[in-house]
Amino acid sequence: LEDVFALISCICACNPDGAQAFWSTAEEQHDAGEGQLEISVVLAPSRCLRMLDLIQAESDSALFVYLSFLSSLALSGGTDGTEASNGASMVHSFLSGNRTMNNHSERHMHFNWNNALSAIRWYAEQLSPEEGDDSSKKVSSDRI
């Protein structure tokens, strides 16, 4: 599964129009004021995307590759010229808890931007050289 997410991420990063295959469209009603309803067409997760999300939710082993996959889907253009309808807006809505990717997945009830930022912070701490570590100091014999 991780390899599938990585492959799709690379393809969509090179060809953002390819990300459109993972989205379908849906109509949403918004309050336009004065009792008027406005209907707009927005991106919605395709059946394939919902299935991949459901499979991934069973195991968090591919979570970070899945986030990379979502970032590649964020490159997708929208249904019109507004930012509110593009892939980035949809992915942000999922991570903000305003929308669900899949009603059958429990993960999105607790997975959000805070979790993603905490994971980034953890990796940054793990990958940062520790204080007092002499391996980062250059020695005159270093050729680099």
N, C-alpha and C. Protein backbone atom coordinates (compact mmCIF):
# COMPACT_ATOMS: atom_id res chain seq x y z
N LEU A 1 0.83 -1.19 0.00
CA LEU A 1 0.00 0.00 0.00
C LEU A 1 0.87 1.26 0.00
N GLU A 2 1.94 1.23 0.76
CA GLU A 2 2.83 2.39 0.82
C GLU A 2 3.42 2.68 -0.55
N ASP A 3 3.75 1.64 -1.30
CA ASP A 3 4.31 1.82 -2.64
C ASP A 3 3.28 2.43 -3.59
N VAL A 4 2.02 2.04 -3.43
CA VAL A 4 0.95 2.59 -4.27
C VAL A 4 0.80 4.08 -3.98
N PHE A 5 0.77 4.45 -2.70
CA PHE A 5 0.66 5.86 -2.34
C PHE A 5 1.86 6.65 -2.86
N ALA A 6 3.06 6.07 -2.75
CA ALA A 6 4.27 6.77 -3.22
C ALA A 6 4.23 6.95 -4.73
N LEU A 7 3.80 5.93 -5.45
CA LEU A 7 3.71 6.02 -6.91
C LEU A 7 2.72 7.09 -7.33
N ILE A 8 1.55 7.06 -6.75
CA ILE A 8 0.52 8.05 -7.10
C ILE A 8 1.00 9.46 -6.76
N SER A 9 1.66 9.61 -5.62
CA SER A 9 2.17 10.93 -5.22
C SER A 9 3.15 11.47 -6.24
N CYS A 10 4.05 10.62 -6.70
CA CYS A 10 5.05 11.05 -7.70
C CYS A 10 4.38 11.43 -9.02
N ILE A 11 3.43 10.61 -9.45
CA ILE A 11 2.74 10.89 -10.71
C ILE A 11 1.97 12.21 -10.62
N CYS A 12 1.25 12.42 -9.53
CA CYS A 12 0.47 13.65 -9.39
C CYS A 12 1.36 14.87 -9.21
N ALA A 13 2.53 14.69 -8.58
CA ALA A 13 3.45 15.81 -8.42
C ALA A 13 4.00 16.24 -9.78
N CYS A 14 4.24 15.28 -10.65
CA CYS A 14 4.75 15.59 -12.00
C CYS A 14 3.65 16.06 -12.94
N ASN A 15 2.45 15.59 -12.70
CA ASN A 15 1.31 15.94 -13.55
C ASN A 15 0.09 16.20 -12.67
N PRO A 16 -0.04 17.43 -12.15
CA PRO A 16 -1.15 17.74 -11.24
C PRO A 16 -2.54 17.44 -11.82
N ASP A 17 -2.67 17.44 -13.14
CA ASP A 17 -3.97 17.09 -13.71
C ASP A 17 -4.34 15.65 -13.41
N GLY A 18 -3.34 14.81 -13.15
CA GLY A 18 -3.60 13.42 -12.80
C GLY A 18 -4.31 13.28 -11.47
N ALA A 19 -4.14 14.27 -10.60
CA ALA A 19 -4.80 14.23 -9.30
C ALA A 19 -6.32 14.34 -9.43
N GLN A 20 -6.76 14.90 -10.54
CA GLN A 20 -8.20 15.06 -10.75
C GLN A 20 -8.93 13.72 -10.77
N ALA A 21 -8.23 12.64 -11.14
CA ALA A 21 -8.85 11.32 -11.21
C ALA A 21 -9.32 10.83 -9.84
N PHE A 22 -8.78 11.40 -8.76
CA PHE A 22 -9.15 10.96 -7.42
C PHE A 22 -10.28 11.80 -6.81
N TRP A 23 -10.77 12.73 -7.59
CA TRP A 23 -11.85 13.59 -7.12
C TRP A 23 -13.07 13.40 -8.02
N SER A 24 -14.22 13.52 -7.43
CA SER A 24 -15.47 13.63 -8.19
C SER A 24 -16.03 15.01 -7.84
N THR A 25 -17.20 15.31 -8.28
CA THR A 25 -17.80 16.60 -7.94
C THR A 25 -19.12 16.38 -7.21
N ALA A 26 -19.48 17.34 -6.43
CA ALA A 26 -20.74 17.30 -5.69
C ALA A 26 -21.30 18.71 -5.60
N GLU A 27 -22.60 18.80 -5.47
CA GLU A 27 -23.24 20.10 -5.29
C GLU A 27 -23.40 20.37 -3.80
N GLU A 28 -23.10 21.59 -3.40
CA GLU A 28 -23.28 22.02 -2.02
C GLU A 28 -24.16 23.25 -1.98
N GLN A 29 -24.99 23.32 -0.96
CA GLN A 29 -25.84 24.49 -0.78
C GLN A 29 -25.23 25.39 0.29
N HIS A 30 -25.22 26.67 0.01
CA HIS A 30 -24.71 27.67 0.95
C HIS A 30 -25.77 28.74 1.14
N ASP A 31 -25.77 29.32 2.31
CA ASP A 31 -26.67 30.43 2.59
C ASP A 31 -26.11 31.68 1.94
N ALA A 32 -26.84 32.23 0.98
CA ALA A 32 -26.41 33.43 0.28
C ALA A 32 -26.95 34.69 0.95
N GLY A 33 -27.63 34.53 2.06
CA GLY A 33 -28.20 35.68 2.77
C GLY A 33 -29.63 35.94 2.33
N GLU A 34 -30.35 36.60 3.18
CA GLU A 34 -31.74 36.96 2.91
C GLU A 34 -32.59 35.74 2.54
N GLY A 35 -32.30 34.59 3.16
CA GLY A 35 -33.09 33.39 2.92
C GLY A 35 -32.83 32.72 1.58
N GLN A 36 -31.85 33.19 0.86
CA GLN A 36 -31.52 32.61 -0.45
C GLN A 36 -30.46 31.52 -0.29
N LEU A 37 -30.64 30.43 -1.02
CA LEU A 37 -29.65 29.36 -1.04
C LEU A 37 -28.89 29.41 -2.35
N GLU A 38 -27.60 29.24 -2.25
CA GLU A 38 -26.75 29.24 -3.43
C GLU A 38 -26.16 27.83 -3.57
N ILE A 39 -26.16 27.31 -4.77
CA ILE A 39 -25.61 25.98 -5.03
C ILE A 39 -24.29 26.14 -5.76
N SER A 40 -23.27 25.45 -5.25
CA SER A 40 -21.97 25.48 -5.92
C SER A 40 -21.49 24.04 -6.11
N VAL A 41 -20.67 23.86 -7.11
CA VAL A 41 -20.10 22.54 -7.40
C VAL A 41 -18.69 22.52 -6.82
N VAL A 42 -18.41 21.53 -5.97
CA VAL A 42 -17.11 21.41 -5.32
C VAL A 42 -16.54 20.02 -5.56
N LEU A 43 -15.25 19.88 -5.30
CA LEU A 43 -14.63 18.57 -5.37
C LEU A 43 -15.09 17.72 -4.20
N ALA A 44 -15.18 16.43 -4.43
CA ALA A 44 -15.53 15.46 -3.39
C ALA A 44 -14.66 14.23 -3.62
N PRO A 45 -14.39 13.47 -2.58
CA PRO A 45 -13.57 12.27 -2.77
C PRO A 45 -14.24 11.28 -3.72
N SER A 46 -13.46 10.77 -4.66
CA SER A 46 -14.00 9.75 -5.57
C SER A 46 -14.15 8.44 -4.81
N ARG A 47 -14.79 7.50 -5.42
CA ARG A 47 -14.97 6.18 -4.80
C ARG A 47 -13.61 5.54 -4.54
N CYS A 48 -12.69 5.69 -5.48
CA CYS A 48 -11.34 5.15 -5.33
C CYS A 48 -10.63 5.78 -4.14
N LEU A 49 -10.72 7.09 -4.00
CA LEU A 49 -10.08 7.79 -2.89
C LEU A 49 -10.68 7.36 -1.55
N ARG A 50 -11.99 7.23 -1.51
CA ARG A 50 -12.64 6.77 -0.26
C ARG A 50 -12.18 5.36 0.10
N MET A 51 -12.01 4.49 -0.91
CA MET A 51 -11.57 3.12 -0.66
C MET A 51 -10.12 3.10 -0.16
N LEU A 52 -9.24 3.89 -0.79
CA LEU A 52 -7.85 3.96 -0.34
C LEU A 52 -7.77 4.50 1.08
N ASP A 53 -8.60 5.48 1.39
CA ASP A 53 -8.63 6.04 2.73
C ASP A 53 -9.08 5.00 3.75
N LEU A 54 -10.08 4.23 3.40
CA LEU A 54 -10.60 3.20 4.30
C LEU A 54 -9.56 2.11 4.54
N ILE A 55 -8.86 1.68 3.49
CA ILE A 55 -7.82 0.66 3.63
C ILE A 55 -6.68 1.19 4.50
N GLN A 56 -6.27 2.43 4.27
CA GLN A 56 -5.17 3.01 5.02
C GLN A 56 -5.54 3.20 6.49
N ALA A 57 -6.79 3.48 6.76
CA ALA A 57 -7.23 3.73 8.14
C ALA A 57 -7.11 2.49 9.02
N GLU A 58 -7.04 1.31 8.40
CA GLU A 58 -6.92 0.07 9.17
C GLU A 58 -5.54 -0.08 9.78
N SER A 59 -4.54 0.59 9.22
CA SER A 59 -3.18 0.49 9.73
C SER A 59 -2.48 1.83 9.52
N ASP A 60 -1.89 2.34 10.57
CA ASP A 60 -1.19 3.62 10.47
C ASP A 60 0.24 3.48 9.96
N SER A 61 0.63 2.29 9.53
CA SER A 61 2.01 2.10 9.07
C SER A 61 2.33 2.95 7.85
N ALA A 62 1.32 3.27 7.05
CA ALA A 62 1.54 4.06 5.83
C ALA A 62 1.06 5.50 6.00
N LEU A 63 0.88 5.93 7.23
CA LEU A 63 0.27 7.24 7.46
C LEU A 63 1.05 8.38 6.82
N PHE A 64 2.37 8.39 6.93
CA PHE A 64 3.13 9.52 6.41
C PHE A 64 3.20 9.49 4.89
N VAL A 65 3.22 8.30 4.30
CA VAL A 65 3.15 8.21 2.85
C VAL A 65 1.76 8.64 2.39
N TYR A 66 0.75 8.32 3.18
CA TYR A 66 -0.61 8.74 2.88
C TYR A 66 -0.73 10.26 2.91
N LEU A 67 -0.06 10.90 3.86
CA LEU A 67 -0.08 12.36 3.90
C LEU A 67 0.60 12.95 2.67
N SER A 68 1.66 12.32 2.22
CA SER A 68 2.31 12.75 0.98
C SER A 68 1.35 12.59 -0.19
N PHE A 69 0.61 11.50 -0.19
CA PHE A 69 -0.41 11.26 -1.21
C PHE A 69 -1.46 12.37 -1.19
N LEU A 70 -1.93 12.73 0.01
CA LEU A 70 -2.91 13.82 0.11
C LEU A 70 -2.32 15.13 -0.39
N SER A 71 -1.05 15.36 -0.11
CA SER A 71 -0.44 16.61 -0.58
C SER A 71 -0.40 16.65 -2.11
N SER A 72 -0.21 15.51 -2.74
CA SER A 72 -0.23 15.50 -4.21
C SER A 72 -1.64 15.71 -4.74
N LEU A 73 -2.65 15.25 -4.01
CA LEU A 73 -4.04 15.49 -4.43
C LEU A 73 -4.41 16.96 -4.26
N ALA A 74 -3.71 17.65 -3.36
CA ALA A 74 -3.96 19.07 -3.14
C ALA A 74 -3.58 19.90 -4.36
N LEU A 75 -2.79 19.33 -5.25
CA LEU A 75 -2.37 20.05 -6.46
C LEU A 75 -3.48 20.13 -7.50
N SER A 76 -4.54 19.39 -7.29
CA SER A 76 -5.63 19.35 -8.27
C SER A 76 -6.34 20.69 -8.39
N GLY A 77 -6.66 21.04 -9.62
CA GLY A 77 -7.45 22.25 -9.85
C GLY A 77 -8.87 22.04 -9.37
N GLY A 78 -9.60 23.10 -9.30
CA GLY A 78 -10.96 23.02 -8.78
C GLY A 78 -12.02 22.94 -9.87
N THR A 79 -13.22 23.09 -9.44
CA THR A 79 -14.36 23.02 -10.35
C THR A 79 -14.61 24.35 -11.04
N ASP A 80 -14.04 25.40 -10.50
CA ASP A 80 -14.15 26.73 -11.12
C ASP A 80 -12.87 27.49 -10.78
N GLY A 81 -12.85 28.76 -11.00
CA GLY A 81 -11.64 29.54 -10.78
C GLY A 81 -11.38 29.92 -9.34
N THR A 82 -12.27 29.59 -8.41
CA THR A 82 -12.09 30.02 -7.03
C THR A 82 -11.22 29.04 -6.26
N GLU A 83 -10.54 29.56 -5.26
CA GLU A 83 -9.69 28.72 -4.43
C GLU A 83 -10.50 27.76 -3.58
N ALA A 84 -11.72 28.10 -3.28
CA ALA A 84 -12.53 27.28 -2.39
C ALA A 84 -12.88 25.92 -2.99
N SER A 85 -12.68 25.76 -4.29
CA SER A 85 -13.09 24.50 -4.91
C SER A 85 -11.91 23.63 -5.34
N ASN A 86 -10.68 24.02 -5.03
CA ASN A 86 -9.54 23.23 -5.51
C ASN A 86 -9.14 22.13 -4.53
N GLY A 87 -8.20 21.29 -4.96
CA GLY A 87 -7.76 20.16 -4.14
C GLY A 87 -7.16 20.58 -2.82
N ALA A 88 -6.39 21.66 -2.81
CA ALA A 88 -5.76 22.13 -1.58
C ALA A 88 -6.82 22.52 -0.54
N SER A 89 -7.87 23.16 -0.99
CA SER A 89 -8.95 23.55 -0.09
C SER A 89 -9.65 22.32 0.48
N MET A 90 -9.84 21.31 -0.35
CA MET A 90 -10.50 20.09 0.12
C MET A 90 -9.65 19.34 1.14
N VAL A 91 -8.35 19.19 0.85
CA VAL A 91 -7.46 18.50 1.78
C VAL A 91 -7.39 19.27 3.09
N HIS A 92 -7.31 20.59 3.01
CA HIS A 92 -7.32 21.42 4.23
C HIS A 92 -8.60 21.20 5.02
N SER A 93 -9.73 21.11 4.34
CA SER A 93 -11.01 20.88 5.02
C SER A 93 -11.01 19.53 5.74
N PHE A 94 -10.42 18.51 5.13
CA PHE A 94 -10.36 17.20 5.77
C PHE A 94 -9.50 17.25 7.02
N LEU A 95 -8.32 17.88 6.91
CA LEU A 95 -7.42 17.94 8.05
C LEU A 95 -7.91 18.91 9.12
N SER A 96 -8.78 19.82 8.76
CA SER A 96 -9.35 20.76 9.73
C SER A 96 -10.58 20.19 10.41
N GLY A 97 -11.06 19.06 9.94
CA GLY A 97 -12.24 18.45 10.54
C GLY A 97 -13.55 19.00 10.02
N ASN A 98 -13.51 19.83 8.99
CA ASN A 98 -14.74 20.39 8.44
C ASN A 98 -15.45 19.44 7.49
N ARG A 99 -14.71 18.47 6.96
CA ARG A 99 -15.26 17.47 6.05
C ARG A 99 -14.67 16.12 6.42
N THR A 100 -15.32 15.07 5.95
CA THR A 100 -14.77 13.74 6.13
C THR A 100 -14.43 13.17 4.76
N MET A 101 -13.37 12.42 4.73
CA MET A 101 -12.97 11.75 3.50
C MET A 101 -13.87 10.55 3.27
N ASN A 102 -14.15 9.85 4.37
CA ASN A 102 -14.91 8.61 4.29
C ASN A 102 -15.72 8.48 5.57
N ASN A 103 -17.01 8.37 5.46
CA ASN A 103 -17.87 8.28 6.64
C ASN A 103 -17.62 7.01 7.44
N HIS A 104 -16.99 6.01 6.83
CA HIS A 104 -16.75 4.74 7.51
C HIS A 104 -15.39 4.69 8.19
N SER A 105 -14.60 5.72 8.05
CA SER A 105 -13.26 5.77 8.63
C SER A 105 -13.31 6.55 9.94
N GLU A 106 -12.80 5.93 10.99
CA GLU A 106 -12.77 6.59 12.30
C GLU A 106 -11.54 7.49 12.46
N ARG A 107 -10.51 7.28 11.65
CA ARG A 107 -9.25 7.99 11.83
C ARG A 107 -9.42 9.50 11.77
N HIS A 108 -10.23 9.98 10.87
CA HIS A 108 -10.32 11.42 10.68
C HIS A 108 -11.02 12.13 11.83
N MET A 109 -11.59 11.34 12.72
CA MET A 109 -12.20 11.96 13.89
C MET A 109 -11.10 12.52 14.81
N HIS A 110 -9.90 11.93 14.77
CA HIS A 110 -8.83 12.41 15.65
C HIS A 110 -7.58 12.81 14.89
N PHE A 111 -7.53 12.58 13.59
CA PHE A 111 -6.34 12.97 12.83
C PHE A 111 -6.60 14.33 12.20
N ASN A 112 -5.72 15.29 12.50
CA ASN A 112 -5.93 16.64 12.00
C ASN A 112 -4.59 17.36 11.85
N TRP A 113 -4.66 18.65 11.61
CA TRP A 113 -3.44 19.45 11.43
C TRP A 113 -2.52 19.36 12.65
N ASN A 114 -3.09 19.35 13.84
CA ASN A 114 -2.25 19.28 15.05
C ASN A 114 -1.43 18.01 15.08
N ASN A 115 -2.05 16.88 14.69
CA ASN A 115 -1.32 15.62 14.65
C ASN A 115 -0.22 15.67 13.60
N ALA A 116 -0.51 16.24 12.45
CA ALA A 116 0.48 16.34 11.37
C ALA A 116 1.66 17.20 11.82
N LEU A 117 1.38 18.33 12.45
CA LEU A 117 2.46 19.21 12.92
C LEU A 117 3.26 18.57 14.05
N SER A 118 2.59 17.81 14.90
CA SER A 118 3.32 17.10 15.97
C SER A 118 4.26 16.06 15.38
N ALA A 119 3.81 15.38 14.33
CA ALA A 119 4.67 14.39 13.68
C ALA A 119 5.87 15.06 13.03
N ILE A 120 5.66 16.20 12.41
CA ILE A 120 6.77 16.94 11.80
C ILE A 120 7.76 17.38 12.87
N ARG A 121 7.24 17.87 13.99
CA ARG A 121 8.09 18.31 15.09
C ARG A 121 8.92 17.13 15.62
N TRP A 122 8.28 15.95 15.76
CA TRP A 122 8.98 14.77 16.25
C TRP A 122 10.11 14.38 15.30
N TYR A 123 9.83 14.37 13.99
CA TYR A 123 10.87 14.03 13.02
C TYR A 123 12.00 15.06 13.03
N ALA A 124 11.65 16.32 13.16
CA ALA A 124 12.69 17.36 13.20
C ALA A 124 13.60 17.15 14.41
N GLU A 125 13.03 16.80 15.54
CA GLU A 125 13.84 16.55 16.73
C GLU A 125 14.71 15.31 16.56
N GLN A 126 14.16 14.28 15.94
CA GLN A 126 14.91 13.04 15.74
C GLN A 126 16.04 13.21 14.75
N LEU A 127 15.84 14.05 13.75
CA LEU A 127 16.83 14.22 12.69
C LEU A 127 17.82 15.35 12.95
N SER A 128 17.57 16.15 13.97
CA SER A 128 18.49 17.25 14.30
C SER A 128 19.70 16.71 15.05
N PRO A 129 20.87 17.24 14.73
CA PRO A 129 22.05 16.81 15.49
C PRO A 129 21.92 17.24 16.94
N GLU A 130 22.35 16.38 17.82
CA GLU A 130 22.25 16.71 19.24
C GLU A 130 23.33 17.70 19.63
N GLU A 131 23.06 18.50 20.66
CA GLU A 131 24.04 19.45 21.14
C GLU A 131 25.25 18.71 21.68
N GLY A 132 26.40 19.22 21.39
CA GLY A 132 27.62 18.59 21.86
C GLY A 132 28.11 17.48 20.96
N ASP A 133 27.39 17.21 19.89
CA ASP A 133 27.80 16.18 18.95
C ASP A 133 28.90 16.74 18.07
N ASP A 134 30.05 16.13 18.09
CA ASP A 134 31.20 16.63 17.34
C ASP A 134 31.17 16.24 15.88
N SER A 135 30.22 15.42 15.46
CA SER A 135 30.20 14.95 14.08
C SER A 135 29.87 16.05 13.09
N SER A 136 29.25 17.13 13.55
CA SER A 136 28.89 18.22 12.64
C SER A 136 30.02 19.23 12.45
N LYS A 137 31.06 19.14 13.30
CA LYS A 137 32.17 20.08 13.19
C LYS A 137 33.10 19.66 12.07
N LYS A 138 33.56 20.64 11.30
CA LYS A 138 34.49 20.35 10.21
C LYS A 138 35.91 20.24 10.77
N VAL A 139 36.60 19.30 10.24
CA VAL A 139 38.00 19.13 10.59
C VAL A 139 38.80 19.57 9.37
N SER A 140 39.98 20.12 9.59
CA SER A 140 40.76 20.64 8.48
C SER A 140 41.05 19.58 7.41
N SER A 141 41.02 18.32 7.75
CA SER A 141 41.29 17.27 6.78
C SER A 141 40.05 16.92 5.95
N ASP A 142 38.88 17.48 6.31
CA ASP A 142 37.68 17.24 5.53
C ASP A 142 37.81 17.89 4.17
N ARG A 143 37.49 17.15 3.12
CA ARG A 143 37.58 17.69 1.77
C ARG A 143 36.33 18.46 1.37
N ILE A 144 35.29 18.33 2.11
CA ILE A 144 34.03 18.99 1.73
C ILE A 144 33.96 20.36 2.34
